[in-house]
């Protein structure tokens, strides 16, 4: 049986997050991973036309039990929740399951070495936390031939999906060859269920500029 975080409001109010370590100063593993995190979170925050409130976070601690250390996914998405207005209090600096009232709906881990245990220890942990969708992106093919693996919570256990369609969220994850922040590579991107990537803010600006030029308007004059 999966363990539960405190759900009773009175019980949540008794928790003192000031005793928990929310930032330890540890860097991300590599430059690619840092860019990939931004490419996963940014387009959702900038361009996703979601019909429900949501939070998208990169490299932020996910606390699921008061007496256990957090896990820090490369990216997490949680719908039907909102970010606190004041991020200064320690209780608002991380994703505390008992504060948001639910685990994230999706977590993405980017493989940077063979020591991350994304396919066993982390899979078991996210299954225990009851994250509905767990996606592993292996950009350097360190764990095998499959670069994208998607697991969906069914009952108490994860089952492998043949694709990375997160139907309950109206989203999918696709591999994309292109340039992001001046670096060309193969990236993982959020897309709609038809596989069309959700644009970055820069892509939206470029599309608008091209449309203005078609109309004979210099974008710099607008």
Protein backbone atom coordinates (compact mmCIF):
# COMPACT_ATOMS: atom_id res chain seq x y z
CA UNK A 1 0.00 0.00 0.00
CA UNK A 2 1.35 3.43 -0.92
CA UNK A 3 2.18 5.78 1.93
CA UNK A 4 0.19 8.97 2.18
CA UNK A 5 1.29 12.47 2.97
CA UNK A 6 -0.65 14.37 5.64
CA UNK A 7 -4.00 15.37 4.16
CA UNK A 8 -5.98 16.64 7.13
CA UNK A 9 -5.82 20.48 7.19
CA UNK A 10 -5.15 20.56 10.93
CA UNK A 11 -2.37 18.01 10.53
CA UNK A 12 -0.83 20.00 7.67
CA UNK A 13 -0.86 23.18 9.74
CA UNK A 14 1.14 21.47 12.47
CA UNK A 15 4.03 20.70 10.12
CA UNK A 16 7.00 23.05 10.48
CA UNK A 17 8.73 23.20 7.09
CA UNK A 18 11.42 25.51 8.51
CA UNK A 19 13.21 22.42 9.81
CA UNK A 20 13.41 20.87 6.33
CA UNK A 21 16.31 21.46 3.93
CA UNK A 22 14.76 22.84 0.74
CA UNK A 23 17.91 24.16 -0.98
CA UNK A 24 21.30 22.47 -0.69
CA UNK A 25 23.21 24.34 -3.39
CA UNK A 26 23.88 21.19 -5.43
CA UNK A 27 24.28 21.99 -9.15
CA UNK A 28 22.51 20.20 -11.97
CA UNK A 29 24.53 17.51 -13.71
CA UNK A 30 25.40 19.15 -17.02
CA UNK A 31 24.65 22.04 -19.38
CA UNK A 32 22.36 19.96 -21.62
CA UNK A 33 20.26 18.91 -18.64
CA UNK A 34 19.93 22.49 -17.43
CA UNK A 35 18.73 23.64 -20.86
CA UNK A 36 16.42 20.65 -21.17
CA UNK A 37 14.79 21.51 -17.87
CA UNK A 38 13.99 25.01 -19.13
CA UNK A 39 12.65 23.68 -22.42
CA UNK A 40 10.27 21.42 -20.53
CA UNK A 41 8.94 23.97 -18.05
CA UNK A 42 9.11 27.20 -20.08
CA UNK A 43 6.67 26.45 -22.92
CA UNK A 44 4.01 25.24 -20.49
CA UNK A 45 4.30 28.44 -18.46
CA UNK A 46 4.48 30.69 -21.53
CA UNK A 47 2.20 29.06 -24.08
CA UNK A 48 0.08 26.17 -22.83
CA UNK A 49 -3.60 26.98 -23.20
CA UNK A 50 -4.63 24.86 -20.25
CA UNK A 51 -8.25 24.91 -19.11
CA UNK A 52 -7.15 24.22 -15.53
CA UNK A 53 -4.71 25.98 -13.22
CA UNK A 54 -1.32 24.30 -12.99
CA UNK A 55 2.24 24.59 -11.79
CA UNK A 56 5.30 23.54 -13.77
CA UNK A 57 8.63 23.40 -11.95
CA UNK A 58 12.19 22.41 -12.86
CA UNK A 59 14.81 21.14 -10.41
CA UNK A 60 12.60 21.83 -7.37
CA UNK A 61 12.39 19.57 -4.33
CA UNK A 62 9.36 17.28 -4.12
CA UNK A 63 8.60 16.52 -0.47
CA UNK A 64 6.21 13.61 0.01
CA UNK A 65 6.75 12.59 3.65
CA UNK A 66 7.81 14.81 6.55
CA UNK A 67 10.37 12.31 7.81
CA UNK A 68 11.93 11.48 4.43
CA UNK A 69 14.29 13.46 2.18
CA UNK A 70 12.83 14.99 -0.97
CA UNK A 71 13.36 13.81 -4.50
CA UNK A 72 14.35 16.49 -7.02
CA UNK A 73 12.91 15.68 -10.46
CA UNK A 74 14.20 17.46 -13.52
CA UNK A 75 10.67 18.69 -14.13
CA UNK A 76 7.23 18.24 -12.59
CA UNK A 77 3.73 19.24 -13.66
CA UNK A 78 0.70 19.42 -11.38
CA UNK A 79 -2.77 20.50 -12.49
CA UNK A 80 -5.68 21.91 -10.49
CA UNK A 81 -3.28 23.67 -8.13
CA UNK A 82 -1.90 27.20 -7.99
CA UNK A 83 1.44 28.67 -7.00
CA UNK A 84 1.37 30.58 -3.69
CA UNK A 85 1.46 34.36 -4.12
CA UNK A 86 4.35 34.74 -1.69
CA UNK A 87 7.29 32.44 -2.42
CA UNK A 88 9.45 33.74 0.44
CA UNK A 89 8.12 31.50 3.25
CA UNK A 90 9.94 28.19 3.36
CA UNK A 91 6.65 26.29 3.17
CA UNK A 92 6.14 27.76 -0.33
CA UNK A 93 9.62 27.21 -1.77
CA UNK A 94 9.26 23.55 -2.70
CA UNK A 95 6.52 21.18 -3.79
CA UNK A 96 5.19 19.86 -0.49
CA UNK A 97 2.55 17.25 -1.28
CA UNK A 98 0.69 18.06 1.94
CA UNK A 99 0.53 21.77 1.01
CA UNK A 100 -0.63 21.26 -2.57
CA UNK A 101 -2.97 18.48 -1.48
CA UNK A 102 -1.82 16.00 -4.13
CA UNK A 103 1.27 14.56 -5.78
CA UNK A 104 2.31 15.95 -9.17
CA UNK A 105 0.49 14.56 -12.19
CA UNK A 106 3.69 14.11 -14.18
CA UNK A 107 7.40 13.93 -13.51
CA UNK A 108 10.21 13.91 -16.08
CA UNK A 109 13.71 12.66 -15.32
CA UNK A 110 16.61 13.29 -17.72
CA UNK A 111 19.30 10.61 -17.63
CA UNK A 112 22.79 12.09 -17.30
CA UNK A 113 24.72 9.01 -16.14
CA UNK A 114 24.19 5.37 -15.24
CA UNK A 115 24.09 6.10 -11.52
CA UNK A 116 20.74 7.89 -11.43
CA UNK A 117 18.68 4.67 -11.13
CA UNK A 118 15.83 6.23 -13.12
CA UNK A 119 14.42 2.87 -14.21
CA UNK A 120 14.42 1.11 -10.85
CA UNK A 121 14.83 3.13 -7.64
CA UNK A 122 13.26 6.34 -8.95
CA UNK A 123 10.52 4.47 -10.75
CA UNK A 124 9.65 2.67 -7.50
CA UNK A 125 9.77 5.94 -5.56
CA UNK A 126 7.46 7.86 -7.92
CA UNK A 127 5.14 4.86 -7.95
CA UNK A 128 5.06 5.02 -4.16
CA UNK A 129 4.41 8.78 -4.22
CA UNK A 130 1.62 8.03 -6.73
CA UNK A 131 2.74 10.31 -9.52
CA UNK A 132 0.32 9.46 -12.34
CA UNK A 133 2.82 9.76 -15.20
CA UNK A 134 6.56 9.15 -15.00
CA UNK A 135 8.69 9.85 -18.07
CA UNK A 136 12.39 9.05 -18.47
CA UNK A 137 14.34 10.82 -21.21
CA UNK A 138 17.69 9.20 -22.01
CA UNK A 139 19.26 11.68 -24.49
CA UNK A 140 22.64 9.94 -24.65
CA UNK A 141 21.22 6.38 -24.80
CA UNK A 142 23.02 5.40 -21.59
CA UNK A 143 20.34 2.95 -20.45
CA UNK A 144 19.54 1.27 -23.76
CA UNK A 145 18.13 1.97 -27.20
CA UNK A 146 14.89 3.59 -26.01
CA UNK A 147 15.41 7.30 -25.48
CA UNK A 148 11.92 7.96 -24.10
CA UNK A 149 10.15 5.69 -21.65
CA UNK A 150 6.72 6.49 -20.23
CA UNK A 151 5.06 4.83 -17.25
CA UNK A 152 1.44 5.31 -16.22
CA UNK A 153 0.03 4.56 -12.79
CA UNK A 154 -2.66 1.90 -13.00
CA UNK A 155 -4.00 0.97 -9.60
CA UNK A 156 -0.96 0.74 -7.32
CA UNK A 157 1.61 -0.02 -10.04
CA UNK A 158 3.24 1.58 -13.07
CA UNK A 159 2.65 0.04 -16.47
CA UNK A 160 4.81 0.78 -19.50
CA UNK A 161 3.21 2.83 -22.24
CA UNK A 162 4.16 2.36 -25.86
CA UNK A 163 3.92 6.11 -26.37
CA UNK A 164 4.30 9.24 -24.27
CA UNK A 165 0.68 10.38 -24.47
CA UNK A 166 -0.67 11.78 -21.20
CA UNK A 167 -4.31 11.76 -22.20
CA UNK A 168 -5.66 12.91 -18.85
CA UNK A 169 -3.63 16.11 -19.26
CA UNK A 170 -4.26 16.59 -22.98
CA UNK A 171 -0.50 16.50 -23.54
CA UNK A 172 2.20 14.32 -25.00
CA UNK A 173 5.98 14.34 -24.99
CA UNK A 174 7.89 14.19 -28.27
CA UNK A 175 11.51 14.17 -29.36
CA UNK A 176 12.40 17.25 -31.37
CA UNK A 177 15.47 18.04 -33.46
CA UNK A 178 16.11 21.76 -33.39
CA UNK A 179 17.87 24.72 -31.85
CA UNK A 180 17.09 25.93 -28.35
CA UNK A 181 18.96 28.88 -26.88
CA UNK A 182 21.41 28.69 -29.76
CA UNK A 183 22.24 24.99 -29.33
CA UNK A 184 21.06 22.40 -31.86
CA UNK A 185 20.31 18.96 -30.46
CA UNK A 186 17.59 16.37 -30.01
CA UNK A 187 15.36 17.51 -27.17
CA UNK A 188 12.28 16.33 -25.33
CA UNK A 189 9.33 18.69 -25.64
CA UNK A 190 5.76 18.95 -24.46
CA UNK A 191 3.26 18.77 -27.29
CA UNK A 192 -0.47 18.47 -27.79
CA UNK A 193 -2.03 15.06 -28.39
CA UNK A 194 -1.41 15.47 -32.13
CA UNK A 195 2.31 15.77 -31.47
CA UNK A 196 2.58 19.50 -32.23
CA UNK A 197 5.14 21.02 -29.83
CA UNK A 198 3.95 23.74 -27.48
CA UNK A 199 5.96 26.79 -28.58
CA UNK A 200 8.55 28.59 -26.53
CA UNK A 201 8.16 32.32 -25.97
CA UNK A 202 10.88 32.92 -28.58
CA UNK A 203 9.07 30.75 -31.14
CA UNK A 204 5.84 32.63 -30.56
CA UNK A 205 7.65 35.94 -31.04
CA UNK A 206 9.28 34.69 -34.26
CA UNK A 207 5.92 33.52 -35.60
CA UNK A 208 4.32 36.88 -34.82
CA UNK A 209 7.20 38.74 -36.47
CA UNK A 210 6.87 36.62 -39.61
CA UNK A 211 3.15 37.32 -39.75
CA UNK A 212 3.73 41.06 -39.44
CA UNK A 213 6.29 40.98 -42.24
CA UNK A 214 3.75 39.21 -44.46
CA UNK A 215 1.43 42.13 -43.78
CA UNK A 216 4.15 44.58 -44.73
CA UNK A 217 4.79 45.68 -41.15
CA UNK A 218 8.28 45.93 -39.71
CA UNK A 219 8.16 44.10 -36.35
CA UNK A 220 10.66 46.58 -34.92
CA UNK A 221 8.18 49.39 -35.53
CA UNK A 222 5.43 47.77 -33.48
